[in-house]
Amino acid sequence: MTWLWSNLDLVGELSLVHLALSVPAIILSFVVSVPIGWLAHRYRWSRGVLLTLCGLLYAIPSLALLIALPVFTGLGVRSPVNLVVALTLYGIAVIVRTAADAFDAIDRDVRQSATAVGYAAFGRFRAVELPLAGPVLLSGLRVVIVSTVSLATIGAVIGVPSLGSLFTDGFQRGIQAEIATGIVATILLALLLDLLAVLAGRLLMPWTRVGTGRRSSATAPTAPATEEALS
C-alpha cells in the first residue's frame, strides 16, 4: 500500500493512457465487425470465408503482430497507433462471429414483415435487424472490452506506455506491489468499461428493459420483442 499511495499520480496517468489505447480499438472493432457479420449472414456463400479469416486473426501472436504491423502502417514499432490497430484486429476476430449469429437469430417472418410494410434493405437493417440483434451484439462487445483492456498491457513490452508498464517495471525492479497494482488497475478498468457498456445498452435499447419487466410479472403477458421493434 505504501508504494501505491506514493505513486497514485503515475497509476492515474497510466490508466488514462490505457483508456486512450483501448477505447478507440473497442469502438473500431465493433463498427467494422457489425457490417462484416451482416455480410456473413446475408450472403451465405461468404460466411465460411469471412468467419475463418477473422478467426485466424486471433491466432497471430500479439508480439509478432506488433512487430510486423509497421511494415504495413509505415509507423515505428513503438507507435501507439500500431497497438490500436493490433487491438482492433483482435477485437474483430472476437466479435464477427457473434455478429453473424446475432443476425441469423432474427426470425425470417420478421424480415418478411418489415419488407412488406415498405422497408428497403438498408432501412430494414437499420430499423429492424440491428435493434433486434442489439442484445447479442452487446454481449459480444462486452467480451471485446475485457479482452482489449487485457491485451493492451502487451504494448509495454515494446515500449508503449500503459498499465502494462507497471508489470514490466515491477518485474525488473522486484516490486511486487507495483505488479499487483497493475493487475488490479487493469481489472478495474475492464469492469468500468463493461459497466458503461451495459448502461449504454439499457439506454439505447429500452425495449430490453420492458421485456425483462414483463417476464418478471406474473400477471402481465410477455410481448414479443419483434412486435416492439417493428411498431
Protein backbone atom coordinates (compact mmCIF):
# COMPACT_ATOMS: atom_id res chain seq x y z
CA MET A 1 0.00 0.00 0.00
CA THR A 2 2.91 2.33 0.66
CA TRP A 3 4.06 2.05 -2.95
CA LEU A 4 0.54 2.69 -4.23
CA TRP A 5 -0.02 5.84 -2.17
CA SER A 6 3.37 7.15 -3.25
CA ASN A 7 2.62 6.56 -6.95
CA LEU A 8 -1.06 7.38 -7.33
CA ASP A 9 -0.27 10.03 -9.95
CA LEU A 10 1.63 7.50 -12.04
CA VAL A 11 -1.17 4.92 -11.79
CA GLY A 12 -3.77 7.53 -12.74
CA GLU A 13 -1.72 8.72 -15.71
CA LEU A 14 -1.14 5.18 -16.99
CA SER A 15 -4.84 4.39 -16.55
CA LEU A 16 -5.77 7.31 -18.80
CA VAL A 17 -3.18 6.23 -21.37
CA HIS A 18 -4.56 2.69 -21.20
CA LEU A 19 -8.05 4.05 -21.84
CA ALA A 20 -6.80 6.07 -24.80
CA LEU A 21 -5.39 2.88 -26.32
CA SER A 22 -8.32 0.59 -25.52
CA VAL A 23 -11.43 2.67 -26.24
CA PRO A 24 -10.65 3.53 -29.90
CA ALA A 25 -9.81 -0.13 -30.58
CA ILE A 26 -13.06 -1.29 -28.97
CA ILE A 27 -15.16 1.18 -30.96
CA LEU A 28 -13.39 0.49 -34.25
CA SER A 29 -13.63 -3.28 -33.87
CA PHE A 30 -17.37 -3.05 -33.16
CA VAL A 31 -18.06 -0.65 -36.04
CA VAL A 32 -16.12 -2.81 -38.51
CA SER A 33 -17.40 -6.17 -37.23
CA VAL A 34 -21.14 -5.46 -37.45
CA PRO A 35 -21.16 -4.96 -41.25
CA ILE A 36 -18.87 -7.97 -41.73
CA GLY A 37 -21.17 -10.09 -39.57
CA TRP A 38 -24.18 -8.86 -41.52
CA LEU A 39 -22.48 -9.76 -44.83
CA ALA A 40 -21.67 -13.23 -43.49
CA HIS A 41 -25.37 -13.60 -42.61
CA ARG A 42 -26.76 -12.02 -45.78
CA TYR A 43 -24.56 -13.86 -48.29
CA ARG A 44 -24.26 -17.42 -47.09
CA TRP A 45 -21.54 -18.31 -49.60
CA SER A 46 -19.23 -15.77 -47.94
CA ARG A 47 -19.88 -16.89 -44.37
CA GLY A 48 -17.21 -19.57 -44.15
CA VAL A 49 -14.55 -17.39 -45.75
CA LEU A 50 -15.25 -14.29 -43.67
CA LEU A 51 -15.54 -16.09 -40.34
CA THR A 52 -12.45 -18.19 -40.99
CA LEU A 53 -10.32 -15.20 -41.99
CA CYS A 54 -11.46 -13.18 -38.99
CA GLY A 55 -10.94 -16.13 -36.66
CA LEU A 56 -7.39 -16.61 -37.92
CA LEU A 57 -6.54 -13.08 -36.80
CA TYR A 58 -6.75 -14.21 -33.20
CA ALA A 59 -4.23 -16.98 -33.87
CA ILE A 60 -1.49 -14.44 -34.69
CA PRO A 61 0.85 -14.00 -31.69
CA SER A 62 0.50 -10.49 -30.31
CA LEU A 63 4.20 -9.66 -30.24
CA ALA A 64 4.69 -10.92 -33.79
CA LEU A 65 1.76 -8.81 -34.97
CA LEU A 66 3.08 -5.68 -33.23
CA ILE A 67 6.47 -6.14 -34.85
CA ALA A 68 5.02 -6.85 -38.31
CA LEU A 69 2.46 -4.03 -38.40
CA PRO A 70 4.99 -1.20 -39.02
CA VAL A 71 5.68 -2.79 -42.41
CA PHE A 72 2.08 -2.00 -43.39
CA THR A 73 1.44 1.19 -41.42
CA GLY A 74 4.80 2.83 -42.03
CA LEU A 75 5.00 3.83 -38.37
CA GLY A 76 7.58 2.96 -35.74
CA VAL A 77 7.28 -0.19 -33.68
CA ARG A 78 6.68 1.90 -30.55
CA SER A 79 3.87 3.94 -32.12
CA PRO A 80 0.64 3.72 -30.10
CA VAL A 81 -1.24 3.62 -33.41
CA ASN A 82 0.23 0.21 -34.18
CA LEU A 83 -1.05 -1.09 -30.85
CA VAL A 84 -4.53 0.32 -31.52
CA VAL A 85 -4.57 -1.35 -34.95
CA ALA A 86 -3.50 -4.68 -33.42
CA LEU A 87 -6.15 -4.46 -30.70
CA THR A 88 -8.76 -3.61 -33.33
CA LEU A 89 -7.86 -6.69 -35.37
CA TYR A 90 -8.12 -8.92 -32.32
CA GLY A 91 -11.47 -7.33 -31.45
CA ILE A 92 -12.77 -8.02 -34.95
CA ALA A 93 -11.69 -11.64 -34.60
CA VAL A 94 -13.74 -11.95 -31.43
CA ILE A 95 -16.98 -10.22 -32.37
CA VAL A 96 -17.56 -11.02 -36.07
CA ARG A 97 -18.93 -14.50 -35.40
CA THR A 98 -21.15 -13.13 -32.64
CA ALA A 99 -22.50 -10.50 -35.04
CA ALA A 100 -23.23 -13.12 -37.71
CA ASP A 101 -25.02 -15.32 -35.18
CA ALA A 102 -27.00 -12.32 -33.90
CA PHE A 103 -28.40 -11.59 -37.36
CA ASP A 104 -29.00 -15.30 -38.02
CA ALA A 105 -31.16 -15.47 -34.90
CA ILE A 106 -33.68 -12.93 -36.21
CA ASP A 107 -36.90 -14.62 -37.27
CA ARG A 108 -37.39 -14.81 -41.04
CA ASP A 109 -41.04 -13.76 -40.62
CA VAL A 110 -39.89 -10.52 -39.00
CA ARG A 111 -37.76 -9.66 -42.03
CA GLN A 112 -40.59 -10.51 -44.39
CA SER A 113 -42.98 -8.35 -42.37
CA ALA A 114 -40.54 -5.43 -42.46
CA THR A 115 -40.20 -5.78 -46.22
CA ALA A 116 -43.98 -5.99 -46.61
CA VAL A 117 -44.50 -2.68 -44.81
CA GLY A 118 -42.06 -0.93 -47.14
CA TYR A 119 -38.56 -1.23 -45.65
CA ALA A 120 -35.75 -1.34 -48.18
CA ALA A 121 -32.64 -3.43 -47.44
CA PHE A 122 -30.72 -0.70 -45.60
CA GLY A 123 -33.80 0.63 -43.82
CA ARG A 124 -34.66 -2.86 -42.64
CA PHE A 125 -31.11 -3.35 -41.39
CA ARG A 126 -31.10 -0.04 -39.51
CA ALA A 127 -34.62 -0.06 -38.09
CA VAL A 128 -35.37 -3.76 -37.61
CA GLU A 129 -32.41 -6.13 -37.80
CA LEU A 130 -29.87 -4.06 -35.90
CA PRO A 131 -32.18 -3.33 -32.93
CA LEU A 132 -33.22 -6.99 -32.68
CA ALA A 133 -29.59 -8.13 -32.86
CA GLY A 134 -28.58 -5.48 -30.31
CA PRO A 135 -28.62 -7.61 -27.12
CA VAL A 136 -26.44 -10.31 -28.67
CA LEU A 137 -24.11 -7.69 -30.16
CA LEU A 138 -23.80 -6.13 -26.72
CA SER A 139 -22.74 -9.45 -25.23
CA GLY A 140 -20.05 -9.74 -27.89
CA LEU A 141 -18.94 -6.17 -27.26
CA ARG A 142 -18.51 -6.92 -23.56
CA VAL A 143 -16.18 -9.79 -24.41
CA VAL A 144 -14.19 -7.47 -26.67
CA ILE A 145 -13.95 -4.88 -23.91
CA VAL A 146 -12.41 -7.31 -21.45
CA SER A 147 -10.04 -8.87 -23.98
CA THR A 148 -8.92 -5.49 -25.37
CA VAL A 149 -8.19 -3.97 -21.98
CA SER A 150 -6.22 -7.08 -21.09
CA LEU A 151 -4.28 -7.25 -24.36
CA ALA A 152 -3.40 -3.55 -24.26
CA THR A 153 -0.90 -4.32 -21.50
CA ILE A 154 1.31 -6.17 -24.00
CA GLY A 155 2.31 -2.83 -25.51
CA ALA A 156 4.59 -2.20 -22.55
CA VAL A 157 6.88 -4.96 -23.79
CA ILE A 158 7.73 -2.95 -26.93
CA GLY A 159 7.81 0.41 -25.14
CA VAL A 160 4.22 1.67 -25.48
CA PRO A 161 3.20 3.02 -22.04
CA SER A 162 0.10 1.52 -20.43
CA LEU A 163 -0.86 -0.21 -17.21
CA GLY A 164 1.35 -3.00 -18.52
CA SER A 165 4.29 -0.73 -17.72
CA LEU A 166 3.62 -1.47 -14.06
CA PHE A 167 4.15 -5.16 -14.82
CA THR A 168 7.44 -4.73 -16.66
CA ASP A 169 8.85 -2.12 -14.28
CA GLY A 170 7.73 -4.03 -11.20
CA PHE A 171 9.26 -7.24 -12.52
CA GLN A 172 12.57 -5.60 -13.40
CA ARG A 173 12.83 -3.85 -10.03
CA GLY A 174 11.36 -6.66 -7.97
CA ILE A 175 8.47 -4.54 -6.63
CA GLN A 176 5.56 -6.93 -6.06
CA ALA A 177 3.21 -4.12 -5.03
CA GLU A 178 3.70 -2.43 -8.41
CA ILE A 179 2.85 -5.63 -10.27
CA ALA A 180 -0.23 -6.21 -8.09
CA THR A 181 -1.34 -2.61 -8.65
CA GLY A 182 -1.09 -3.06 -12.40
CA ILE A 183 -3.18 -6.23 -12.28
CA VAL A 184 -5.88 -4.71 -10.06
CA ALA A 185 -5.98 -1.46 -12.07
CA THR A 186 -6.40 -3.39 -15.33
CA ILE A 187 -9.25 -5.45 -13.90
CA LEU A 188 -11.00 -2.37 -12.51
CA LEU A 189 -10.66 -0.57 -15.83
CA ALA A 190 -12.18 -3.51 -17.68
CA LEU A 191 -15.06 -3.68 -15.17
CA LEU A 192 -15.67 0.06 -15.51
CA LEU A 193 -15.87 -0.08 -19.31
CA ASP A 194 -18.07 -3.18 -19.11
CA LEU A 195 -20.44 -1.37 -16.75
CA LEU A 196 -20.58 1.63 -19.08
CA ALA A 197 -21.38 -0.69 -21.99
CA VAL A 198 -24.25 -2.27 -20.05
CA LEU A 199 -25.64 1.15 -19.10
CA ALA A 200 -25.34 2.34 -22.70
CA GLY A 201 -27.15 -0.78 -23.86
CA ARG A 202 -30.02 -0.13 -21.48
CA LEU A 203 -30.20 3.46 -22.67
CA LEU A 204 -30.08 2.64 -26.38
CA MET A 205 -32.26 -0.49 -26.16
CA PRO A 206 -35.06 0.39 -23.73
CA TRP A 207 -37.26 -2.38 -25.12
CA THR A 208 -34.99 -4.95 -23.46
CA ARG A 209 -35.84 -3.45 -20.08
CA VAL A 210 -39.54 -3.55 -20.92
CA GLY A 211 -39.28 -7.21 -21.91
CA THR A 212 -37.48 -8.08 -18.68
CA GLY A 213 -40.08 -6.31 -16.59
CA ARG A 214 -42.91 -8.12 -18.31
CA ARG A 215 -41.28 -11.51 -17.91
CA SER A 216 -40.88 -10.92 -14.20
CA SER A 217 -44.55 -10.08 -13.78
CA ALA A 218 -46.90 -12.97 -13.11
CA THR A 219 -49.98 -11.19 -14.43
CA ALA A 220 -48.79 -9.25 -17.46
CA PRO A 221 -48.26 -11.23 -20.69
CA THR A 222 -44.89 -11.07 -22.44
CA ALA A 223 -44.98 -9.08 -25.64
CA PRO A 224 -42.76 -10.48 -28.42
CA ALA A 225 -39.64 -8.38 -28.91
CA THR A 226 -40.15 -8.48 -32.65
CA GLU A 227 -43.50 -6.72 -32.41
CA GLU A 228 -41.99 -3.98 -30.24
CA ALA A 229 -39.16 -3.47 -32.70
CA LEU A 230 -41.47 -3.17 -35.69
CA SER A 231 -44.01 -0.89 -34.00
